[in-house]
């Protein structure tokens, strides 16, 4: 019999005992309290009663709990189990016997079996016929609304263990990034709110199950990146240790800090910058652009007059034309693309900036338009902090970039005139 892995609502299951409002989140990642039906194969399942006593009434008009169904333990008294259906077919809740005189009827299940059932549900959702068309003779007696696979979102979070990311996704801890992506795609086919509505189920859990899957996906990709970078670093350095070995660590904000000394060889520098770019695409860097402080033109002008800062011009060569050729007085050129793709060529500039910072000077990065969302300046700041170890508190961006700086300078205010006098600007 093809097991239709589905989570039944109360009405679809036809349960006479009613839904039991237990906290499904109490199930541990080890599968504690999870049971699997192994008996009743020849009879279409095992008998379910409304009460603990063997003399109590049959549940759901005598409908049986199908073999291979997975249930959650609500109560266990002697050889009688009160359950709540998780995956399978049969009454939503009721009492069953653990064994007969000669064989087991229901046994404890593992978390791996729960994941296998989840994958089976995803497969059946893709292949299921329209509601009301039975897939086997035993399904003909099931009401139309119960004939098609359904997912009860209130119980959907149960399908996602509360343990580490790899248990949520159902992959080994050492899974590679591609395995993580594949597992998440399988989950998304069943748990995404749009997919639930497509299958005729309302997302009453507010998307909680899908959010948990997303968090596990992000943590899995981050763990895979750490392993890949560590392996690559050791391979390039001939093993563990070495002064120039790339250091990969989890920062306090759960992002990645990729520290590499300026004396490292070209391959190591490029490896660190490539890793930063991949992690930035995932939003998993330790420092993000929004965390970089933004300063106004008035403040930067005051710092320049007091020799308290150094301006870092992160613009590309193609942006330096016409009136935009000239930058802020005393600016040091450090193009974003060159830093990202050819970091070895920027080492002399980085060493110069390091000496300025060691003297307590601030670094103010500028781009054409400025701001964390419309310029490269904030990304360069994040690279300086996460890759080369510059202190975040001494790195800033110029508000609204060089365009605003030129307008401010042309306005010839008091601060602008003071700056013009100091640097001999016309």
Protein backbone atom coordinates (compact mmCIF):
# COMPACT_ATOMS: atom_id res chain seq x y z
CA UNK A 1 0.00 0.00 0.00
CA UNK A 2 1.35 3.38 -0.95
CA UNK A 3 1.51 5.35 2.30
CA UNK A 4 0.03 8.81 1.79
CA UNK A 5 2.06 10.82 4.24
CA UNK A 6 -0.25 13.53 5.40
CA UNK A 7 -1.13 15.49 8.50
CA UNK A 8 -4.86 15.32 9.03
CA UNK A 9 -7.08 18.08 10.28
CA UNK A 10 -9.80 17.08 12.72
CA UNK A 11 -12.57 17.17 10.15
CA UNK A 12 -10.57 15.33 7.49
CA UNK A 13 -9.64 12.52 9.86
CA UNK A 14 -13.19 12.06 11.07
CA UNK A 15 -11.98 11.75 14.64
CA UNK A 16 -14.67 11.40 17.31
CA UNK A 17 -12.33 12.15 20.19
CA UNK A 18 -11.44 15.66 19.01
CA UNK A 19 -8.06 17.26 18.51
CA UNK A 20 -5.73 17.25 21.47
CA UNK A 21 -4.14 20.66 21.99
CA UNK A 22 -0.76 19.41 23.19
CA UNK A 23 2.46 21.31 22.66
CA UNK A 24 4.05 19.64 19.67
CA UNK A 25 7.28 21.57 20.29
CA UNK A 26 8.09 19.37 23.30
CA UNK A 27 9.29 16.62 20.99
CA UNK A 28 13.08 16.49 21.15
CA UNK A 29 15.41 16.22 18.19
CA UNK A 30 16.13 12.59 19.10
CA UNK A 31 12.57 11.60 18.28
CA UNK A 32 11.50 11.12 21.89
CA UNK A 33 7.80 10.27 22.09
CA UNK A 34 7.61 9.31 18.41
CA UNK A 35 6.07 5.92 17.51
CA UNK A 36 5.63 3.96 14.29
CA UNK A 37 2.86 1.47 13.50
CA UNK A 38 4.35 -1.89 12.45
CA UNK A 39 1.41 -4.24 12.95
CA UNK A 40 -1.97 -4.69 11.31
CA UNK A 41 -0.65 -4.95 7.79
CA UNK A 42 -3.07 -7.68 6.73
CA UNK A 43 -6.06 -5.94 8.35
CA UNK A 44 -5.35 -2.44 7.05
CA UNK A 45 -3.98 -1.12 10.33
CA UNK A 46 -4.44 -1.45 14.07
CA UNK A 47 -7.60 -0.87 16.12
CA UNK A 48 -8.09 2.57 17.70
CA UNK A 49 -10.43 3.17 20.65
CA UNK A 50 -11.68 6.38 22.23
CA UNK A 51 -10.57 5.40 25.74
CA UNK A 52 -7.84 3.51 27.53
CA UNK A 53 -10.07 0.56 28.33
CA UNK A 54 -10.24 -2.25 25.78
CA UNK A 55 -14.01 -2.14 26.16
CA UNK A 56 -14.28 1.51 25.10
CA UNK A 57 -15.85 2.50 21.78
CA UNK A 58 -13.99 2.30 18.50
CA UNK A 59 -12.66 5.63 17.23
CA UNK A 60 -13.82 7.17 13.93
CA UNK A 61 -16.51 4.53 13.31
CA UNK A 62 -14.01 1.70 13.44
CA UNK A 63 -11.44 3.22 11.12
CA UNK A 64 -7.96 1.81 11.79
CA UNK A 65 -4.58 3.48 12.18
CA UNK A 66 -2.65 2.55 9.02
CA UNK A 67 0.56 0.54 9.12
CA UNK A 68 3.73 2.70 8.87
CA UNK A 69 1.91 5.75 10.25
CA UNK A 70 3.90 7.92 12.67
CA UNK A 71 2.25 9.19 15.85
CA UNK A 72 3.23 11.31 18.84
CA UNK A 73 2.83 10.02 22.35
CA UNK A 74 0.32 11.89 24.50
CA UNK A 75 0.11 9.33 27.31
CA UNK A 76 1.50 5.86 28.00
CA UNK A 77 -0.13 3.58 30.58
CA UNK A 78 1.04 0.01 30.62
CA UNK A 79 0.58 -1.46 27.16
CA UNK A 80 -1.85 1.27 26.07
CA UNK A 81 -0.74 4.36 24.17
CA UNK A 82 -2.70 7.57 23.68
CA UNK A 83 -1.43 9.17 20.49
CA UNK A 84 -1.77 12.11 18.13
CA UNK A 85 -1.38 11.38 14.41
CA UNK A 86 1.60 13.03 12.77
CA UNK A 87 2.11 11.30 9.43
CA UNK A 88 -0.10 8.62 7.93
CA UNK A 89 -3.76 7.63 7.77
CA UNK A 90 -6.29 6.99 10.49
CA UNK A 91 -8.03 8.73 13.40
CA UNK A 92 -6.36 11.91 14.54
CA UNK A 93 -6.14 10.76 18.14
CA UNK A 94 -7.09 7.76 20.27
CA UNK A 95 -5.79 4.77 22.26
CA UNK A 96 -3.99 1.75 20.79
CA UNK A 97 -2.29 -1.35 22.17
CA UNK A 98 1.48 -1.66 21.97
CA UNK A 99 1.48 -5.39 21.29
CA UNK A 100 -0.52 -8.57 21.08
CA UNK A 101 0.48 -11.84 22.69
CA UNK A 102 2.85 -12.76 19.84
CA UNK A 103 3.96 -9.56 18.07
CA UNK A 104 4.54 -5.81 18.34
CA UNK A 105 1.89 -3.46 16.96
CA UNK A 106 3.62 -0.12 17.45
CA UNK A 107 7.26 0.63 18.26
CA UNK A 108 9.34 3.69 19.00
CA UNK A 109 10.54 5.52 15.89
CA UNK A 110 13.73 7.43 15.16
CA UNK A 111 14.14 10.97 13.92
CA UNK A 112 15.48 9.54 10.65
CA UNK A 113 12.13 7.84 10.04
CA UNK A 114 10.41 11.16 10.64
CA UNK A 115 12.56 12.80 7.97
CA UNK A 116 11.88 9.95 5.54
CA UNK A 117 8.15 10.43 6.10
CA UNK A 118 8.53 14.14 5.47
CA UNK A 119 10.22 13.45 2.11
CA UNK A 120 7.46 10.98 1.26
CA UNK A 121 4.89 13.68 1.96
CA UNK A 122 6.67 16.07 -0.39
CA UNK A 123 6.74 13.41 -3.13
CA UNK A 124 3.05 12.57 -2.72
CA UNK A 125 2.11 16.26 -2.83
CA UNK A 126 3.75 16.53 -6.24
CA UNK A 127 2.17 13.34 -7.58
CA UNK A 128 -1.21 13.44 -5.83
CA UNK A 129 -4.36 13.31 -8.02
CA UNK A 130 -7.17 15.76 -7.53
CA UNK A 131 -9.30 15.44 -4.42
CA UNK A 132 -11.90 12.71 -4.53
CA UNK A 133 -9.96 10.35 -6.86
CA UNK A 134 -8.83 7.39 -4.80
CA UNK A 135 -5.32 6.00 -5.36
CA UNK A 136 -6.18 2.57 -3.98
CA UNK A 137 -9.33 0.61 -3.04
CA UNK A 138 -8.86 1.31 0.65
CA UNK A 139 -9.14 5.04 -0.03
CA UNK A 140 -12.56 4.81 -1.65
CA UNK A 141 -14.28 4.87 1.72
CA UNK A 142 -12.45 8.02 2.80
CA UNK A 143 -14.40 11.29 2.39
CA UNK A 144 -13.34 13.46 -0.55
CA UNK A 145 -11.70 16.09 1.62
CA UNK A 146 -9.53 13.39 3.22
CA UNK A 147 -8.60 11.61 -0.02
CA UNK A 148 -5.98 14.12 -1.15
CA UNK A 149 -2.76 14.64 0.84
CA UNK A 150 -3.08 17.53 3.25
CA UNK A 151 -0.68 19.38 5.50
CA UNK A 152 -1.88 20.78 8.79
CA UNK A 153 0.41 23.79 9.38
CA UNK A 154 -0.27 23.73 13.13
CA UNK A 155 1.46 20.35 13.16
CA UNK A 156 3.99 21.27 10.46
CA UNK A 157 6.55 22.53 12.98
CA UNK A 158 6.61 19.02 14.44
CA UNK A 159 8.20 17.84 11.21
CA UNK A 160 11.14 20.11 11.98
CA UNK A 161 13.11 18.98 15.05
CA UNK A 162 14.15 21.70 17.46
CA UNK A 163 17.78 20.60 17.39
CA UNK A 164 20.76 21.78 15.31
CA UNK A 165 20.44 22.89 11.69
CA UNK A 166 21.48 19.54 10.23
CA UNK A 167 18.73 17.70 12.13
CA UNK A 168 16.14 20.20 10.92
CA UNK A 169 17.24 19.70 7.32
CA UNK A 170 17.81 15.95 7.71
CA UNK A 171 21.43 15.99 6.51
CA UNK A 172 24.72 14.99 8.20
CA UNK A 173 26.64 17.70 10.09
CA UNK A 174 29.42 17.58 7.49
CA UNK A 175 27.02 18.18 4.57
CA UNK A 176 28.34 20.32 1.73
CA UNK A 177 26.61 23.48 0.53
CA UNK A 178 24.90 21.67 -2.37
CA UNK A 179 23.43 19.06 0.01
CA UNK A 180 22.16 21.84 2.25
CA UNK A 181 20.50 23.58 -0.70
CA UNK A 182 18.90 20.35 -1.92
CA UNK A 183 17.47 19.55 1.53
CA UNK A 184 16.07 23.06 1.88
CA UNK A 185 14.43 22.89 -1.54
CA UNK A 186 12.67 19.67 -0.52
CA UNK A 187 11.41 21.32 2.65
CA UNK A 188 10.27 24.42 0.80
CA UNK A 189 8.08 22.31 -1.48
CA UNK A 190 5.93 21.41 1.52
CA UNK A 191 6.38 24.18 4.06
CA UNK A 192 6.41 27.37 1.99
CA UNK A 193 3.14 29.27 2.65
CA UNK A 194 2.48 29.55 -1.10
CA UNK A 195 2.83 25.79 -1.52
CA UNK A 196 0.49 25.16 1.41
CA UNK A 197 -2.19 27.34 -0.17
CA UNK A 198 -1.66 25.58 -3.49
CA UNK A 199 -2.43 22.30 -1.74
CA UNK A 200 -5.59 23.78 -0.20
CA UNK A 201 -4.21 24.34 3.27
CA UNK A 202 -4.21 27.64 5.15
CA UNK A 203 -0.87 28.68 6.67
CA UNK A 204 -2.27 29.04 10.19
CA UNK A 205 1.16 28.78 11.79
CA UNK A 206 2.14 32.17 10.36
CA UNK A 207 4.95 30.55 8.37
CA UNK A 208 6.80 29.45 11.52
CA UNK A 209 7.80 26.08 10.06
CA UNK A 210 9.18 27.69 6.93
CA UNK A 211 11.08 30.29 8.97
CA UNK A 212 12.71 27.53 11.00
CA UNK A 213 13.73 25.80 7.79
CA UNK A 214 15.21 29.06 6.47
CA UNK A 215 17.25 29.58 9.63
CA UNK A 216 18.59 26.03 9.39
CA UNK A 217 19.42 26.62 5.72
CA UNK A 218 21.42 29.77 6.50
CA UNK A 219 23.25 28.09 9.40
CA UNK A 220 24.01 25.09 7.18
CA UNK A 221 25.50 27.23 4.42
CA UNK A 222 27.59 29.09 6.99
CA UNK A 223 28.89 25.83 8.47
CA UNK A 224 29.69 24.50 4.99
CA UNK A 225 31.57 27.72 4.18
CA UNK A 226 33.64 27.42 7.35
CA UNK A 227 34.63 23.84 6.50
CA UNK A 228 35.41 24.68 2.86
CA UNK A 229 37.55 27.67 3.80
CA UNK A 230 39.40 25.76 6.49
CA UNK A 231 40.16 22.86 4.14
CA UNK A 232 41.30 25.22 1.37
CA UNK A 233 43.46 27.18 3.76
CA UNK A 234 45.19 24.08 5.10
CA UNK A 235 45.73 22.76 1.58
CA UNK A 236 47.31 26.02 0.48
CA UNK A 237 49.51 26.17 3.57
CA UNK A 238 50.50 22.51 3.54
CA UNK A 239 48.65 21.67 6.73
CA UNK A 240 47.72 23.31 10.01
CA UNK A 241 49.56 26.25 11.42
CA UNK A 242 51.67 28.85 9.71
CA UNK A 243 51.70 32.58 10.27
CA UNK A 244 49.91 33.36 7.03
CA UNK A 245 47.19 30.73 7.34
CA UNK A 246 43.70 32.09 6.82
CA UNK A 247 41.85 32.26 10.13
CA UNK A 248 38.13 31.52 9.94
CA UNK A 249 36.15 32.25 13.07
CA UNK A 250 32.57 32.87 14.09
CA UNK A 251 32.19 36.45 15.25
CA UNK A 252 30.00 37.65 18.14
CA UNK A 253 27.19 38.53 15.70
CA UNK A 254 27.18 34.96 14.28
CA UNK A 255 28.81 36.09 11.03
CA UNK A 256 32.23 35.10 9.77
CA UNK A 257 35.49 36.90 10.44
CA UNK A 258 38.17 36.12 7.84
CA UNK A 259 41.47 37.42 9.14
CA UNK A 260 44.56 37.43 6.94
CA UNK A 261 47.82 39.34 7.51
CA UNK A 262 49.01 41.83 4.90
CA UNK A 263 52.19 39.77 4.54
CA UNK A 264 50.22 36.75 3.30
CA UNK A 265 50.90 35.45 -0.23
CA UNK A 266 48.70 36.49 -3.13
CA UNK A 267 46.70 33.24 -3.14
CA UNK A 268 45.80 33.63 0.53
CA UNK A 269 44.73 37.24 0.10
CA UNK A 270 42.52 36.38 -2.85
CA UNK A 271 41.08 33.40 -1.01
CA UNK A 272 39.99 35.63 1.87
CA UNK A 273 38.43 38.24 -0.43
CA UNK A 274 36.60 35.59 -2.48
CA UNK A 275 35.26 34.08 0.73
CA UNK A 276 34.05 37.48 1.90
CA UNK A 277 32.23 38.04 -1.40
CA UNK A 278 30.42 34.68 -1.14
CA UNK A 279 29.42 35.31 2.45
CA UNK A 280 28.27 38.85 1.64
CA UNK A 281 25.90 37.41 -0.97
CA UNK A 282 24.40 35.25 1.80
CA UNK A 283 24.32 38.11 4.30
CA UNK A 284 26.58 36.12 6.64
CA UNK A 285 29.56 38.44 7.08
CA UNK A 286 30.33 39.51 10.62
CA UNK A 287 30.20 43.21 9.76
CA UNK A 288 27.35 44.45 7.57
CA UNK A 289 27.14 47.85 5.80
CA UNK A 290 24.37 49.09 8.08
CA UNK A 291 26.77 48.83 11.03
CA UNK A 292 29.28 51.24 9.49
CA UNK A 293 28.93 54.75 10.90
CA UNK A 294 28.01 57.56 8.50
CA UNK A 295 29.46 61.05 8.96
CA UNK A 296 28.42 64.37 7.40
CA UNK A 297 30.51 66.65 5.23
CA UNK A 298 30.80 69.21 8.06
CA UNK A 299 32.28 66.60 10.39
CA UNK A 300 34.73 65.30 7.78
CA UNK A 301 35.85 68.85 6.95
CA UNK A 302 36.47 69.53 10.65
CA UNK A 303 38.45 66.30 10.99
CA UNK A 304 40.52 67.20 7.92
CA UNK A 305 41.30 70.64 9.27
CA UNK A 306 42.43 69.02 12.54
CA UNK A 307 44.39 66.26 10.74
CA UNK A 308 42.24 63.72 12.56
CA UNK A 309 41.22 61.53 9.60
CA UNK A 310 42.29 60.11 6.26
CA UNK A 311 39.86 59.93 3.35
CA UNK A 312 39.78 56.65 1.36
CA UNK A 313 38.46 57.01 -2.19
CA UNK A 314 36.78 53.70 -3.13
CA UNK A 315 35.58 54.81 -6.57
CA UNK A 316 36.30 52.88 -9.74
CA UNK A 317 38.54 54.46 -12.44
CA UNK A 318 35.51 54.76 -14.72
CA UNK A 319 33.86 57.08 -12.18
CA UNK A 320 36.72 59.59 -12.26
CA UNK A 321 35.96 61.88 -15.19
CA UNK A 322 35.28 65.57 -15.80
CA UNK A 323 34.62 67.44 -12.57
CA UNK A 324 34.58 64.13 -10.71
CA UNK A 325 38.31 63.54 -11.29
CA UNK A 326 39.29 65.44 -8.18
CA UNK A 327 38.55 63.85 -4.85
CA UNK A 328 38.57 65.08 -1.26
CA UNK A 329 41.92 66.71 -0.31
CA UNK A 330 44.55 64.16 0.72
CA UNK A 331 42.38 61.18 -0.26
CA UNK A 332 44.04 57.76 -0.63
CA UNK A 333 42.81 55.71 -3.60
CA UNK A 334 41.57 52.18 -2.76
CA UNK A 335 39.21 50.98 -5.48
CA UNK A 336 36.55 48.49 -4.46
CA UNK A 337 37.04 46.13 -7.41
CA UNK A 338 40.82 46.11 -7.10
CA UNK A 339 40.60 45.36 -3.38
CA UNK A 340 38.13 42.54 -4.00
CA UNK A 341 39.78 40.92 -7.03
CA UNK A 342 43.46 41.97 -6.79
CA UNK A 343 44.08 42.54 -3.06
CA UNK A 344 47.82 41.91 -3.43
CA UNK A 345 48.07 45.13 -5.49
CA UNK A 346 46.51 47.14 -2.65
CA UNK A 347 48.87 45.92 0.10
CA UNK A 348 51.04 49.11 0.07
CA UNK A 349 47.89 51.23 0.43
CA UNK A 350 46.57 49.00 3.21
CA UNK A 351 49.90 49.21 5.04
CA UNK A 352 49.72 53.01 4.80
CA UNK A 353 46.19 53.04 6.18
CA UNK A 354 47.26 50.69 8.96
CA UNK A 355 49.95 53.14 10.05
CA UNK A 356 47.41 55.98 10.07
CA UNK A 357 45.02 53.94 12.22
CA UNK A 358 47.81 52.98 14.60
CA UNK A 359 48.31 56.72 15.14
CA UNK A 360 44.61 57.03 16.08
CA UNK A 361 43.38 58.59 12.83
CA UNK A 362 39.94 57.73 11.50
CA UNK A 363 39.35 56.34 8.01
CA UNK A 364 36.48 57.91 6.04
CA UNK A 365 35.61 55.92 2.93
CA UNK A 366 33.88 57.75 0.09
CA UNK A 367 32.14 56.75 -3.12
CA UNK A 368 30.30 58.74 -5.76
CA UNK A 369 26.89 58.53 -4.12
CA UNK A 370 27.76 57.32 -0.63
CA UNK A 371 25.52 55.61 1.95
CA UNK A 372 25.50 51.87 2.76
CA UNK A 373 22.88 51.12 0.09
CA UNK A 374 24.10 53.08 -2.94
CA UNK A 375 27.91 53.07 -2.78
CA UNK A 376 30.90 50.76 -2.44
CA UNK A 377 32.31 52.69 0.50
CA UNK A 378 30.46 50.70 3.18
CA UNK A 379 31.44 47.34 1.65
CA UNK A 380 35.09 48.40 1.60
CA UNK A 381 34.74 49.34 5.28
CA UNK A 382 33.39 45.84 6.03
CA UNK A 383 36.30 44.25 4.17
CA UNK A 384 38.82 46.35 6.09
CA UNK A 385 37.27 45.18 9.37
CA UNK A 386 36.51 41.51 8.64
CA UNK A 387 39.51 40.59 6.48
CA UNK A 388 42.32 42.90 7.55
CA UNK A 389 41.38 43.55 11.17
CA UNK A 390 40.83 47.33 11.11
CA UNK A 391 38.78 48.53 14.13
CA UNK A 392 35.15 49.20 13.21
CA UNK A 393 34.96 52.23 15.51
CA UNK A 394 37.62 54.01 13.42
CA UNK A 395 36.04 53.34 10.02
CA UNK A 396 33.22 55.48 8.58
CA UNK A 397 31.46 56.44 5.35
CA UNK A 398 30.84 59.94 3.97
CA UNK A 399 27.14 60.72 3.89
CA UNK A 400 25.79 61.08 0.31
CA UNK A 401 29.27 60.64 -1.15
CA UNK A 402 31.42 62.85 -3.31
CA UNK A 403 28.45 64.47 -5.07
CA UNK A 404 27.24 65.96 -1.81
CA UNK A 405 30.82 66.93 -0.91
CA UNK A 406 31.18 68.97 -4.10
CA UNK A 407 27.86 70.75 -3.53
CA UNK A 408 28.87 71.51 0.05
CA UNK A 409 32.26 72.83 -1.05
CA UNK A 410 30.72 75.00 -3.81
CA UNK A 411 28.32 76.54 -1.29
CA UNK A 412 31.40 78.19 0.33
CA UNK A 413 30.14 78.03 3.89
CA UNK A 414 32.34 78.77 6.88
CA UNK A 415 33.62 75.20 7.10
CA UNK A 416 34.22 75.04 3.36
CA UNK A 417 36.21 78.27 3.37
CA UNK A 418 38.35 77.05 6.25
CA UNK A 419 39.09 73.88 4.33
CA UNK A 420 39.86 75.80 1.13
CA UNK A 421 42.36 77.93 3.00
CA UNK A 422 44.11 74.95 4.62
CA UNK A 423 44.53 73.02 1.35
CA UNK A 424 44.90 76.00 -1.01
CA UNK A 425 41.77 75.17 -2.97
CA UNK A 426 40.52 77.70 -5.55
